[in-house]
Amino acid sequence: MSTTVTDEQIQALAATAKPYSLALLHWGPERTMDGAGAIELEHQRRMVSLRADGVIAILCPVVSDTVAGVAVMTVPAGEAAEIMAADPCVRAGMMRCEVHPCHGFPGDAIPG
């Protein structure tokens, strides 16, 4: 760490925190089922649409045999869980999703 951060800076940042939801998608037992490619394409279309609508703030597919992706969602955890339960891959058993409430800070972004 090269940047020195004061207690006051930490407190000031913490005061700006806003609630979000973190959706963690894990690969499920039906990942390679017949028709998986078409179902996953619909999942991708839906996730990108949710991103375009502002429901997903950050969308991160993960290259892993166990984790499929991570999404920071702008809705409360209960609503995020309902949205993700309707996902085509989740419904098909190709993925399972866990949702956790979290906080983020205005202005945080993935570098472009």
PDB file of N, CA and C in Angstrom:
ATOM      1  N   MET A   1       0.848  -1.181   0.000  1.00  0.00           N
ATOM      2  CA  MET A   1       0.000   0.000   0.000  1.00  0.00           C
ATOM      3  C   MET A   1       0.887   1.234   0.000  1.00  0.00           C
ATOM      4  N   SER A   2       0.607   2.119  -0.923  1.00  0.00           N
ATOM      5  CA  SER A   2       1.413   3.329  -0.978  1.00  0.00           C
ATOM      6  C   SER A   2       0.623   4.571  -0.582  1.00  0.00           C
ATOM      7  N   THR A   3      -0.699   4.492  -0.603  1.00  0.00           N
ATOM      8  CA  THR A   3      -1.518   5.643  -0.251  1.00  0.00           C
ATOM      9  C   THR A   3      -1.863   5.598   1.232  1.00  0.00           C
ATOM     10  N   THR A   4      -1.610   6.685   1.911  1.00  0.00           N
ATOM     11  CA  THR A   4      -1.969   6.789   3.321  1.00  0.00           C
ATOM     12  C   THR A   4      -3.408   7.283   3.412  1.00  0.00           C
ATOM     13  N   VAL A   5      -4.206   6.592   4.214  1.00  0.00           N
ATOM     14  CA  VAL A   5      -5.612   6.952   4.385  1.00  0.00           C
ATOM     15  C   VAL A   5      -5.848   7.233   5.862  1.00  0.00           C
ATOM     16  N   THR A   6      -6.471   8.363   6.133  1.00  0.00           N
ATOM     17  CA  THR A   6      -6.720   8.748   7.525  1.00  0.00           C
ATOM     18  C   THR A   6      -8.043   8.165   8.014  1.00  0.00           C
ATOM     19  N   ASP A   7      -8.207   8.145   9.319  1.00  0.00           N
ATOM     20  CA  ASP A   7      -9.471   7.704   9.909  1.00  0.00           C
ATOM     21  C   ASP A   7     -10.622   8.577   9.409  1.00  0.00           C
ATOM     22  N   GLU A   8     -10.369   9.857   9.273  1.00  0.00           N
ATOM     23  CA  GLU A   8     -11.403  10.783   8.810  1.00  0.00           C
ATOM     24  C   GLU A   8     -11.823  10.461   7.374  1.00  0.00           C
ATOM     25  N   GLN A   9     -10.868  10.101   6.539  1.00  0.00           N
ATOM     26  CA  GLN A   9     -11.193   9.736   5.159  1.00  0.00           C
ATOM     27  C   GLN A   9     -12.047   8.468   5.122  1.00  0.00           C
ATOM     28  N   ILE A  10     -11.716   7.519   5.970  1.00  0.00           N
ATOM     29  CA  ILE A  10     -12.497   6.278   6.036  1.00  0.00           C
ATOM     30  C   ILE A  10     -13.923   6.590   6.478  1.00  0.00           C
ATOM     31  N   GLN A  11     -14.061   7.404   7.505  1.00  0.00           N
ATOM     32  CA  GLN A  11     -15.385   7.755   8.015  1.00  0.00           C
ATOM     33  C   GLN A  11     -16.190   8.533   6.977  1.00  0.00           C
ATOM     34  N   ALA A  12     -15.533   9.433   6.266  1.00  0.00           N
ATOM     35  CA  ALA A  12     -16.226  10.216   5.237  1.00  0.00           C
ATOM     36  C   ALA A  12     -16.705   9.307   4.106  1.00  0.00           C
ATOM     37  N   LEU A  13     -15.877   8.367   3.701  1.00  0.00           N
ATOM     38  CA  LEU A  13     -16.279   7.435   2.649  1.00  0.00           C
ATOM     39  C   LEU A  13     -17.419   6.545   3.129  1.00  0.00           C
ATOM     40  N   ALA A  14     -17.301   6.024   4.335  1.00  0.00           N
ATOM     41  CA  ALA A  14     -18.338   5.148   4.882  1.00  0.00           C
ATOM     42  C   ALA A  14     -19.691   5.857   4.928  1.00  0.00           C
ATOM     43  N   ALA A  15     -19.680   7.145   5.167  1.00  0.00           N
ATOM     44  CA  ALA A  15     -20.929   7.910   5.241  1.00  0.00           C
ATOM     45  C   ALA A  15     -21.630   8.000   3.888  1.00  0.00           C
ATOM     46  N   THR A  16     -20.917   7.747   2.807  1.00  0.00           N
ATOM     47  CA  THR A  16     -21.518   7.833   1.469  1.00  0.00           C
ATOM     48  C   THR A  16     -22.030   6.483   0.967  1.00  0.00           C
ATOM     49  N   ALA A  17     -21.822   5.423   1.735  1.00  0.00           N
ATOM     50  CA  ALA A  17     -22.178   4.072   1.282  1.00  0.00           C
ATOM     51  C   ALA A  17     -23.660   3.974   0.940  1.00  0.00           C
ATOM     52  N   LYS A  18     -23.943   3.256  -0.130  1.00  0.00           N
ATOM     53  CA  LYS A  18     -25.316   3.025  -0.572  1.00  0.00           C
ATOM     54  C   LYS A  18     -25.563   1.518  -0.621  1.00  0.00           C
ATOM     55  N   PRO A  19     -26.809   1.099  -0.352  1.00  0.00           N
ATOM     56  CA  PRO A  19     -27.098  -0.340  -0.366  1.00  0.00           C
ATOM     57  C   PRO A  19     -27.223  -0.895  -1.786  1.00  0.00           C
ATOM     58  N   TYR A  20     -26.688  -2.067  -1.962  1.00  0.00           N
ATOM     59  CA  TYR A  20     -26.785  -2.829  -3.210  1.00  0.00           C
ATOM     60  C   TYR A  20     -27.009  -4.288  -2.836  1.00  0.00           C
ATOM     61  N   SER A  21     -27.079  -5.122  -3.839  1.00  0.00           N
ATOM     62  CA  SER A  21     -27.144  -6.565  -3.626  1.00  0.00           C
ATOM     63  C   SER A  21     -26.067  -7.209  -4.480  1.00  0.00           C
ATOM     64  N   LEU A  22     -25.455  -8.240  -3.939  1.00  0.00           N
ATOM     65  CA  LEU A  22     -24.425  -8.983  -4.657  1.00  0.00           C
ATOM     66  C   LEU A  22     -24.990 -10.349  -5.012  1.00  0.00           C
ATOM     67  N   ALA A  23     -25.087 -10.628  -6.301  1.00  0.00           N
ATOM     68  CA  ALA A  23     -25.565 -11.928  -6.774  1.00  0.00           C
ATOM     69  C   ALA A  23     -24.361 -12.756  -7.202  1.00  0.00           C
ATOM     70  N   LEU A  24     -24.224 -13.922  -6.588  1.00  0.00           N
ATOM     71  CA  LEU A  24     -23.145 -14.850  -6.928  1.00  0.00           C
ATOM     72  C   LEU A  24     -23.764 -16.046  -7.637  1.00  0.00           C
ATOM     73  N   LEU A  25     -23.371 -16.243  -8.868  1.00  0.00           N
ATOM     74  CA  LEU A  25     -23.884 -17.369  -9.649  1.00  0.00           C
ATOM     75  C   LEU A  25     -22.853 -18.484  -9.662  1.00  0.00           C
ATOM     76  N   HIS A  26     -23.295 -19.674  -9.290  1.00  0.00           N
ATOM     77  CA  HIS A  26     -22.439 -20.859  -9.272  1.00  0.00           C
ATOM     78  C   HIS A  26     -22.964 -21.839 -10.312  1.00  0.00           C
ATOM     79  N   TRP A  27     -22.059 -22.554 -10.947  1.00  0.00           N
ATOM     80  CA  TRP A  27     -22.485 -23.582 -11.888  1.00  0.00           C
ATOM     81  C   TRP A  27     -23.218 -24.680 -11.137  1.00  0.00           C
ATOM     82  N   GLY A  28     -24.287 -25.174 -11.741  1.00  0.00           N
ATOM     83  CA  GLY A  28     -25.093 -26.227 -11.139  1.00  0.00           C
ATOM     84  C   GLY A  28     -24.904 -27.555 -11.844  1.00  0.00           C
ATOM     85  N   PRO A  29     -25.610 -28.558 -11.376  1.00  0.00           N
ATOM     86  CA  PRO A  29     -25.432 -29.914 -11.893  1.00  0.00           C
ATOM     87  C   PRO A  29     -25.888 -30.099 -13.342  1.00  0.00           C
ATOM     88  N   GLU A  30     -26.732 -29.213 -13.822  1.00  0.00           N
ATOM     89  CA  GLU A  30     -27.238 -29.355 -15.191  1.00  0.00           C
ATOM     90  C   GLU A  30     -26.499 -28.458 -16.186  1.00  0.00           C
ATOM     91  N   ARG A  31     -25.298 -28.043 -15.826  1.00  0.00           N
ATOM     92  CA  ARG A  31     -24.530 -27.107 -16.658  1.00  0.00           C
ATOM     93  C   ARG A  31     -24.388 -27.580 -18.104  1.00  0.00           C
ATOM     94  N   THR A  32     -24.233 -28.869 -18.307  1.00  0.00           N
ATOM     95  CA  THR A  32     -23.988 -29.389 -19.657  1.00  0.00           C
ATOM     96  C   THR A  32     -25.188 -30.154 -20.212  1.00  0.00           C
ATOM     97  N   MET A  33     -26.369 -29.873 -19.704  1.00  0.00           N
ATOM     98  CA  MET A  33     -27.570 -30.569 -20.163  1.00  0.00           C
ATOM     99  C   MET A  33     -27.826 -30.312 -21.649  1.00  0.00           C
ATOM    100  N   ASP A  34     -28.623 -31.153 -22.257  1.00  0.00           N
ATOM    101  CA  ASP A  34     -29.019 -30.926 -23.646  1.00  0.00           C
ATOM    102  C   ASP A  34     -29.685 -29.558 -23.754  1.00  0.00           C
ATOM    103  N   GLY A  35     -29.291 -28.785 -24.737  1.00  0.00           N
ATOM    104  CA  GLY A  35     -29.866 -27.461 -24.942  1.00  0.00           C
ATOM    105  C   GLY A  35     -29.245 -26.375 -24.082  1.00  0.00           C
ATOM    106  N   ALA A  36     -28.162 -26.698 -23.375  1.00  0.00           N
ATOM    107  CA  ALA A  36     -27.544 -25.737 -22.460  1.00  0.00           C
ATOM    108  C   ALA A  36     -27.087 -24.465 -23.172  1.00  0.00           C
ATOM    109  N   GLY A  37     -26.581 -24.598 -24.374  1.00  0.00           N
ATOM    110  CA  GLY A  37     -26.088 -23.424 -25.101  1.00  0.00           C
ATOM    111  C   GLY A  37     -27.178 -22.392 -25.340  1.00  0.00           C
ATOM    112  N   ALA A  38     -28.340 -22.848 -25.751  1.00  0.00           N
ATOM    113  CA  ALA A  38     -29.454 -21.933 -26.015  1.00  0.00           C
ATOM    114  C   ALA A  38     -29.959 -21.304 -24.714  1.00  0.00           C
ATOM    115  N   ILE A  39     -30.001 -22.095 -23.655  1.00  0.00           N
ATOM    116  CA  ILE A  39     -30.457 -21.567 -22.365  1.00  0.00           C
ATOM    117  C   ILE A  39     -29.470 -20.530 -21.846  1.00  0.00           C
ATOM    118  N   GLU A  40     -28.178 -20.816 -21.983  1.00  0.00           N
ATOM    119  CA  GLU A  40     -27.173 -19.862 -21.518  1.00  0.00           C
ATOM    120  C   GLU A  40     -27.218 -18.569 -22.329  1.00  0.00           C
ATOM    121  N   LEU A  41     -27.496 -18.661 -23.611  1.00  0.00           N
ATOM    122  CA  LEU A  41     -27.624 -17.450 -24.428  1.00  0.00           C
ATOM    123  C   LEU A  41     -28.791 -16.594 -23.938  1.00  0.00           C
ATOM    124  N   GLU A  42     -29.896 -17.224 -23.568  1.00  0.00           N
ATOM    125  CA  GLU A  42     -31.031 -16.469 -23.020  1.00  0.00           C
ATOM    126  C   GLU A  42     -30.672 -15.850 -21.673  1.00  0.00           C
ATOM    127  N   HIS A  43     -29.914 -16.577 -20.866  1.00  0.00           N
ATOM    128  CA  HIS A  43     -29.409 -16.033 -19.596  1.00  0.00           C
ATOM    129  C   HIS A  43     -28.567 -14.785 -19.869  1.00  0.00           C
ATOM    130  N   GLN A  44     -27.655 -14.881 -20.823  1.00  0.00           N
ATOM    131  CA  GLN A  44     -26.786 -13.747 -21.146  1.00  0.00           C
ATOM    132  C   GLN A  44     -27.604 -12.560 -21.644  1.00  0.00           C
ATOM    133  N   ARG A  45     -28.570 -12.830 -22.503  1.00  0.00           N
ATOM    134  CA  ARG A  45     -29.429 -11.759 -23.029  1.00  0.00           C
ATOM    135  C   ARG A  45     -30.162 -11.066 -21.876  1.00  0.00           C
ATOM    136  N   ARG A  46     -30.669 -11.863 -20.951  1.00  0.00           N
ATOM    137  CA  ARG A  46     -31.411 -11.316 -19.809  1.00  0.00           C
ATOM    138  C   ARG A  46     -30.498 -10.490 -18.904  1.00  0.00           C
ATOM    139  N   MET A  47     -29.307 -10.998 -18.619  1.00  0.00           N
ATOM    140  CA  MET A  47     -28.382 -10.272 -17.747  1.00  0.00           C
ATOM    141  C   MET A  47     -27.958  -8.943 -18.386  1.00  0.00           C
ATOM    142  N   VAL A  48     -27.682  -8.956 -19.679  1.00  0.00           N
ATOM    143  CA  VAL A  48     -27.293  -7.721 -20.367  1.00  0.00           C
ATOM    144  C   VAL A  48     -28.471  -6.743 -20.402  1.00  0.00           C
ATOM    145  N   SER A  49     -29.678  -7.257 -20.542  1.00  0.00           N
ATOM    146  CA  SER A  49     -30.867  -6.409 -20.510  1.00  0.00           C
ATOM    147  C   SER A  49     -31.047  -5.779 -19.124  1.00  0.00           C
ATOM    148  N   LEU A  50     -30.855  -6.572 -18.072  1.00  0.00           N
ATOM    149  CA  LEU A  50     -30.944  -6.032 -16.708  1.00  0.00           C
ATOM    150  C   LEU A  50     -29.873  -4.966 -16.482  1.00  0.00           C
ATOM    151  N   ARG A  51     -28.714  -5.169 -17.066  1.00  0.00           N
ATOM    152  CA  ARG A  51     -27.642  -4.172 -16.978  1.00  0.00           C
ATOM    153  C   ARG A  51     -28.060  -2.896 -17.702  1.00  0.00           C
ATOM    154  N   ALA A  52     -28.607  -3.041 -18.898  1.00  0.00           N
ATOM    155  CA  ALA A  52     -29.043  -1.876 -19.680  1.00  0.00           C
ATOM    156  C   ALA A  52     -30.161  -1.113 -18.968  1.00  0.00           C
ATOM    157  N   ASP A  53     -30.991  -1.838 -18.223  1.00  0.00           N
ATOM    158  CA  ASP A  53     -32.097  -1.220 -17.486  1.00  0.00           C
ATOM    159  C   ASP A  53     -31.659  -0.616 -16.154  1.00  0.00           C
ATOM    160  N   GLY A  54     -30.395  -0.804 -15.778  1.00  0.00           N
ATOM    161  CA  GLY A  54     -29.893  -0.245 -14.530  1.00  0.00           C
ATOM    162  C   GLY A  54     -30.129  -1.116 -13.308  1.00  0.00           C
ATOM    163  N   VAL A  55     -30.673  -2.308 -13.496  1.00  0.00           N
ATOM    164  CA  VAL A  55     -30.896  -3.225 -12.374  1.00  0.00           C
ATOM    165  C   VAL A  55     -29.576  -3.863 -11.953  1.00  0.00           C
ATOM    166  N   ILE A  56     -28.706  -4.092 -12.920  1.00  0.00           N
ATOM    167  CA  ILE A  56     -27.353  -4.577 -12.644  1.00  0.00           C
ATOM    168  C   ILE A  56     -26.399  -3.423 -12.914  1.00  0.00           C
ATOM    169  N   ALA A  57     -25.631  -3.052 -11.889  1.00  0.00           N
ATOM    170  CA  ALA A  57     -24.664  -1.962 -12.033  1.00  0.00           C
ATOM    171  C   ALA A  57     -23.341  -2.469 -12.589  1.00  0.00           C
ATOM    172  N   ILE A  58     -22.934  -3.638 -12.128  1.00  0.00           N
ATOM    173  CA  ILE A  58     -21.675  -4.238 -12.574  1.00  0.00           C
ATOM    174  C   ILE A  58     -21.937  -5.710 -12.839  1.00  0.00           C
ATOM    175  N   LEU A  59     -21.551  -6.159 -14.014  1.00  0.00           N
ATOM    176  CA  LEU A  59     -21.765  -7.543 -14.439  1.00  0.00           C
ATOM    177  C   LEU A  59     -20.412  -8.161 -14.753  1.00  0.00           C
ATOM    178  N   CYS A  60     -20.083  -9.243 -14.063  1.00  0.00           N
ATOM    179  CA  CYS A  60     -18.773  -9.877 -14.228  1.00  0.00           C
ATOM    180  C   CYS A  60     -18.910 -11.380 -14.439  1.00  0.00           C
ATOM    181  N   PRO A  61     -18.885 -11.841 -15.685  1.00  0.00           N
ATOM    182  CA  PRO A  61     -18.774 -13.282 -15.894  1.00  0.00           C
ATOM    183  C   PRO A  61     -17.437 -13.759 -15.312  1.00  0.00           C
ATOM    184  N   VAL A  62     -17.426 -14.959 -14.783  1.00  0.00           N
ATOM    185  CA  VAL A  62     -16.221 -15.500 -14.147  1.00  0.00           C
ATOM    186  C   VAL A  62     -15.770 -16.737 -14.916  1.00  0.00           C
ATOM    187  N   VAL A  63     -14.484 -16.826 -15.166  1.00  0.00           N
ATOM    188  CA  VAL A  63     -13.913 -17.992 -15.843  1.00  0.00           C
ATOM    189  C   VAL A  63     -13.503 -18.981 -14.757  1.00  0.00           C
ATOM    190  N   SER A  64     -14.375 -19.964 -14.520  1.00  0.00           N
ATOM    191  CA  SER A  64     -14.161 -20.905 -13.424  1.00  0.00           C
ATOM    192  C   SER A  64     -15.005 -22.146 -13.669  1.00  0.00           C
ATOM    193  N   ASP A  65     -14.587 -23.239 -13.101  1.00  0.00           N
ATOM    194  CA  ASP A  65     -15.394 -24.455 -13.172  1.00  0.00           C
ATOM    195  C   ASP A  65     -16.499 -24.473 -12.128  1.00  0.00           C
ATOM    196  N   THR A  66     -16.450 -23.542 -11.176  1.00  0.00           N
ATOM    197  CA  THR A  66     -17.445 -23.537 -10.107  1.00  0.00           C
ATOM    198  C   THR A  66     -18.280 -22.263 -10.051  1.00  0.00           C
ATOM    199  N   VAL A  67     -17.667 -21.123 -10.307  1.00  0.00           N
ATOM    200  CA  VAL A  67     -18.376 -19.842 -10.248  1.00  0.00           C
ATOM    201  C   VAL A  67     -18.668 -19.372 -11.668  1.00  0.00           C
ATOM    202  N   ALA A  68     -19.921 -19.018 -11.927  1.00  0.00           N
ATOM    203  CA  ALA A  68     -20.323 -18.583 -13.263  1.00  0.00           C
ATOM    204  C   ALA A  68     -20.238 -17.068 -13.430  1.00  0.00           C
ATOM    205  N   GLY A  69     -20.533 -16.327 -12.355  1.00  0.00           N
ATOM    206  CA  GLY A  69     -20.502 -14.882 -12.487  1.00  0.00           C
ATOM    207  C   GLY A  69     -20.880 -14.171 -11.209  1.00  0.00           C
ATOM    208  N   VAL A  70     -20.695 -12.855 -11.246  1.00  0.00           N
ATOM    209  CA  VAL A  70     -21.006 -11.977 -10.126  1.00  0.00           C
ATOM    210  C   VAL A  70     -21.721 -10.757 -10.698  1.00  0.00           C
ATOM    211  N   ALA A  71     -22.754 -10.319 -10.005  1.00  0.00           N
ATOM    212  CA  ALA A  71     -23.446  -9.100 -10.424  1.00  0.00           C
ATOM    213  C   ALA A  71     -23.715  -8.240  -9.198  1.00  0.00           C
ATOM    214  N   VAL A  72     -23.398  -6.957  -9.310  1.00  0.00           N
ATOM    215  CA  VAL A  72     -23.790  -5.992  -8.292  1.00  0.00           C
ATOM    216  C   VAL A  72     -25.105  -5.404  -8.778  1.00  0.00           C
ATOM    217  N   MET A  73     -26.143  -5.608  -7.974  1.00  0.00           N
ATOM    218  CA  MET A  73     -27.489  -5.206  -8.377  1.00  0.00           C
ATOM    219  C   MET A  73     -27.951  -4.001  -7.567  1.00  0.00           C
ATOM    220  N   THR A  74     -28.739  -3.149  -8.192  1.00  0.00           N
ATOM    221  CA  THR A  74     -29.166  -1.894  -7.581  1.00  0.00           C
ATOM    222  C   THR A  74     -30.472  -2.014  -6.811  1.00  0.00           C
ATOM    223  N   VAL A  75     -30.980  -3.213  -6.680  1.00  0.00           N
ATOM    224  CA  VAL A  75     -32.256  -3.440  -5.991  1.00  0.00           C
ATOM    225  C   VAL A  75     -31.998  -4.156  -4.668  1.00  0.00           C
ATOM    226  N   PRO A  76     -32.955  -4.096  -3.730  1.00  0.00           N
ATOM    227  CA  PRO A  76     -32.781  -4.796  -2.454  1.00  0.00           C
ATOM    228  C   PRO A  76     -32.602  -6.307  -2.655  1.00  0.00           C
ATOM    229  N   ALA A  77     -31.991  -6.947  -1.679  1.00  0.00           N
ATOM    230  CA  ALA A  77     -31.647  -8.365  -1.793  1.00  0.00           C
ATOM    231  C   ALA A  77     -32.856  -9.249  -2.087  1.00  0.00           C
ATOM    232  N   GLY A  78     -33.980  -8.985  -1.467  1.00  0.00           N
ATOM    233  CA  GLY A  78     -35.170  -9.800  -1.725  1.00  0.00           C
ATOM    234  C   GLY A  78     -35.617  -9.717  -3.172  1.00  0.00           C
ATOM    235  N   GLU A  79     -35.620  -8.514  -3.698  1.00  0.00           N
ATOM    236  CA  GLU A  79     -36.000  -8.325  -5.101  1.00  0.00           C
ATOM    237  C   GLU A  79     -34.955  -8.944  -6.029  1.00  0.00           C
ATOM    238  N   ALA A  80     -33.689  -8.779  -5.686  1.00  0.00           N
ATOM    239  CA  ALA A  80     -32.622  -9.378  -6.492  1.00  0.00           C
ATOM    240  C   ALA A  80     -32.766 -10.896  -6.522  1.00  0.00           C
ATOM    241  N   ALA A  81     -33.099 -11.488  -5.385  1.00  0.00           N
ATOM    242  CA  ALA A  81     -33.275 -12.945  -5.322  1.00  0.00           C
ATOM    243  C   ALA A  81     -34.431 -13.386  -6.218  1.00  0.00           C
ATOM    244  N   GLU A  82     -35.513 -12.624  -6.214  1.00  0.00           N
ATOM    245  CA  GLU A  82     -36.655 -12.953  -7.083  1.00  0.00           C
ATOM    246  C   GLU A  82     -36.271 -12.844  -8.555  1.00  0.00           C
ATOM    247  N   ILE A  83     -35.552 -11.792  -8.890  1.00  0.00           N
ATOM    248  CA  ILE A  83     -35.115 -11.596 -10.276  1.00  0.00           C
ATOM    249  C   ILE A  83     -34.226 -12.754 -10.710  1.00  0.00           C
ATOM    250  N   MET A  84     -33.293 -13.120  -9.861  1.00  0.00           N
ATOM    251  CA  MET A  84     -32.355 -14.178 -10.231  1.00  0.00           C
ATOM    252  C   MET A  84     -33.012 -15.556 -10.224  1.00  0.00           C
ATOM    253  N   ALA A  85     -34.030 -15.755  -9.410  1.00  0.00           N
ATOM    254  CA  ALA A  85     -34.740 -17.040  -9.402  1.00  0.00           C
ATOM    255  C   ALA A  85     -35.441 -17.282 -10.733  1.00  0.00           C
ATOM    256  N   ALA A  86     -35.761 -16.214 -11.449  1.00  0.00           N
ATOM    257  CA  ALA A  86     -36.429 -16.330 -12.746  1.00  0.00           C
ATOM    258  C   ALA A  86     -35.444 -16.466 -13.904  1.00  0.00           C
ATOM    259  N   ASP A  87     -34.157 -16.461 -13.614  1.00  0.00           N
ATOM    260  CA  ASP A  87     -33.140 -16.579 -14.660  1.00  0.00           C
ATOM    261  C   ASP A  87     -33.248 -17.937 -15.355  1.00  0.00           C
ATOM    262  N   PRO A  88     -33.130 -17.964 -16.677  1.00  0.00           N
ATOM    263  CA  PRO A  88     -33.253 -19.235 -17.402  1.00  0.00           C
ATOM    264  C   PRO A  88     -32.273 -20.316 -16.934  1.00  0.00           C
ATOM    265  N   CYS A  89     -31.034 -19.951 -16.679  1.00  0.00           N
ATOM    266  CA  CYS A  89     -30.052 -20.950 -16.232  1.00  0.00           C
ATOM    267  C   CYS A  89     -30.346 -21.429 -14.816  1.00  0.00           C
ATOM    268  N   VAL A  90     -30.823 -20.548 -13.971  1.00  0.00           N
ATOM    269  CA  VAL A  90     -31.173 -20.938 -12.601  1.00  0.00           C
ATOM    270  C   VAL A  90     -32.379 -21.874 -12.643  1.00  0.00           C
ATOM    271  N   ARG A  91     -33.384 -21.507 -13.410  1.00  0.00           N
ATOM    272  CA  ARG A  91     -34.587 -22.348 -13.510  1.00  0.00           C
ATOM    273  C   ARG A  91     -34.269 -23.726 -14.077  1.00  0.00           C
ATOM    274  N   ALA A  92     -33.293 -23.796 -14.981  1.00  0.00           N
ATOM    275  CA  ALA A  92     -32.934 -25.073 -15.610  1.00  0.00           C
ATOM    276  C   ALA A  92     -31.985 -25.910 -14.754  1.00  0.00           C
ATOM    277  N   GLY A  93     -31.496 -25.353 -13.646  1.00  0.00           N
ATOM    278  CA  GLY A  93     -30.548 -26.085 -12.809  1.00  0.00           C
ATOM    279  C   GLY A  93     -29.115 -26.009 -13.306  1.00  0.00           C
ATOM    280  N   MET A  94     -28.881 -25.172 -14.314  1.00  0.00           N
ATOM    281  CA  MET A  94     -27.520 -24.998 -14.831  1.00  0.00           C
ATOM    282  C   MET A  94     -26.687 -24.124 -13.903  1.00  0.00           C
ATOM    283  N   MET A  95     -27.354 -23.250 -13.170  1.00  0.00           N
ATOM    284  CA  MET A  95     -26.702 -22.363 -12.211  1.00  0.00           C
ATOM    285  C   MET A  95     -27.553 -22.312 -10.957  1.00  0.00           C
ATOM    286  N   ARG A  96     -26.910 -21.958  -9.872  1.00  0.00           N
ATOM    287  CA  ARG A  96     -27.635 -21.607  -8.658  1.00  0.00           C
ATOM    288  C   ARG A  96     -27.138 -20.227  -8.249  1.00  0.00           C
ATOM    289  N   CYS A  97     -27.987 -19.494  -7.580  1.00  0.00           N
ATOM    290  CA  CYS A  97     -27.640 -18.116  -7.243  1.00  0.00           C
ATOM    291  C   CYS A  97     -27.825 -17.875  -5.755  1.00  0.00           C
ATOM    292  N   GLU A  98     -26.869 -17.192  -5.176  1.00  0.00           N
ATOM    293  CA  GLU A  98     -27.033 -16.701  -3.814  1.00  0.00           C
ATOM    294  C   GLU A  98     -26.923 -15.184  -3.869  1.00  0.00           C
ATOM    295  N   VAL A  99     -27.761 -14.525  -3.091  1.00  0.00           N
ATOM    296  CA  VAL A  99     -27.800 -13.061  -3.086  1.00  0.00           C
ATOM    297  C   VAL A  99     -27.503 -12.574  -1.675  1.00  0.00           C
ATOM    298  N   HIS A 100     -26.649 -11.564  -1.594  1.00  0.00           N
ATOM    299  CA  HIS A 100     -26.272 -10.984  -0.304  1.00  0.00           C
ATOM    300  C   HIS A 100     -26.437  -9.470  -0.369  1.00  0.00           C
ATOM    301  N   PRO A 101     -26.963  -8.864   0.692  1.00  0.00           N
ATOM    302  CA  PRO A 101     -26.960  -7.400   0.737  1.00  0.00           C
ATOM    303  C   PRO A 101     -25.520  -6.911   0.891  1.00  0.00           C
ATOM    304  N   CYS A 102     -25.212  -5.804   0.264  1.00  0.00           N
ATOM    305  CA  CYS A 102     -23.871  -5.232   0.380  1.00  0.00           C
ATOM    306  C   CYS A 102     -23.978  -3.713   0.265  1.00  0.00           C
ATOM    307  N   HIS A 103     -22.857  -3.056   0.385  1.00  0.00           N
ATOM    308  CA  HIS A 103     -22.804  -1.601   0.232  1.00  0.00           C
ATOM    309  C   HIS A 103     -21.704  -1.246  -0.756  1.00  0.00           C
ATOM    310  N   GLY A 104     -21.914  -0.154  -1.448  1.00  0.00           N
ATOM    311  CA  GLY A 104     -20.917   0.357  -2.374  1.00  0.00           C
ATOM    312  C   GLY A 104     -20.814   1.860  -2.214  1.00  0.00           C
ATOM    313  N   PHE A 105     -19.841   2.415  -2.883  1.00  0.00           N
ATOM    314  CA  PHE A 105     -19.573   3.841  -2.749  1.00  0.00           C
ATOM    315  C   PHE A 105     -19.777   4.537  -4.087  1.00  0.00           C
ATOM    316  N   PRO A 106     -20.517   5.649  -4.087  1.00  0.00           N
ATOM    317  CA  PRO A 106     -20.748   6.378  -5.334  1.00  0.00           C
ATOM    318  C   PRO A 106     -19.429   6.693  -6.035  1.00  0.00           C
ATOM    319  N   GLY A 107     -19.427   6.449  -7.331  1.00  0.00           N
ATOM    320  CA  GLY A 107     -18.234   6.716  -8.122  1.00  0.00           C
ATOM    321  C   GLY A 107     -17.347   5.509  -8.331  1.00  0.00           C
ATOM    322  N   ASP A 108     -17.530   4.452  -7.530  1.00  0.00           N
ATOM    323  CA  ASP A 108     -16.739   3.247  -7.765  1.00  0.00           C
ATOM    324  C   ASP A 108     -17.093   2.691  -9.139  1.00  0.00           C
ATOM    325  N   ALA A 109     -16.108   2.226  -9.855  1.00  0.00           N
ATOM    326  CA  ALA A 109     -16.338   1.706 -11.200  1.00  0.00           C
ATOM    327  C   ALA A 109     -15.190   0.789 -11.592  1.00  0.00           C
ATOM    328  N   ILE A 110     -15.457  -0.034 -12.562  1.00  0.00           N
ATOM    329  CA  ILE A 110     -14.405  -0.859 -13.140  1.00  0.00           C
ATOM    330  C   ILE A 110     -13.657   0.017 -14.139  1.00  0.00           C
ATOM    331  N   PRO A 111     -12.338   0.083 -14.045  1.00  0.00           N
ATOM    332  CA  PRO A 111     -11.582   0.934 -14.972  1.00  0.00           C
ATOM    333  C   PRO A 111     -11.842   0.534 -16.422  1.00  0.00           C
ATOM    334  N   GLY A 112     -11.999   1.506 -17.261  1.00  0.00           N
ATOM    335  CA  GLY A 112     -12.283   1.247 -18.663  1.00  0.00           C
ATOM    336  C   GLY A 112     -11.081   1.422 -19.481  1.00  0.00           C
TER     337      GLY A 112
END
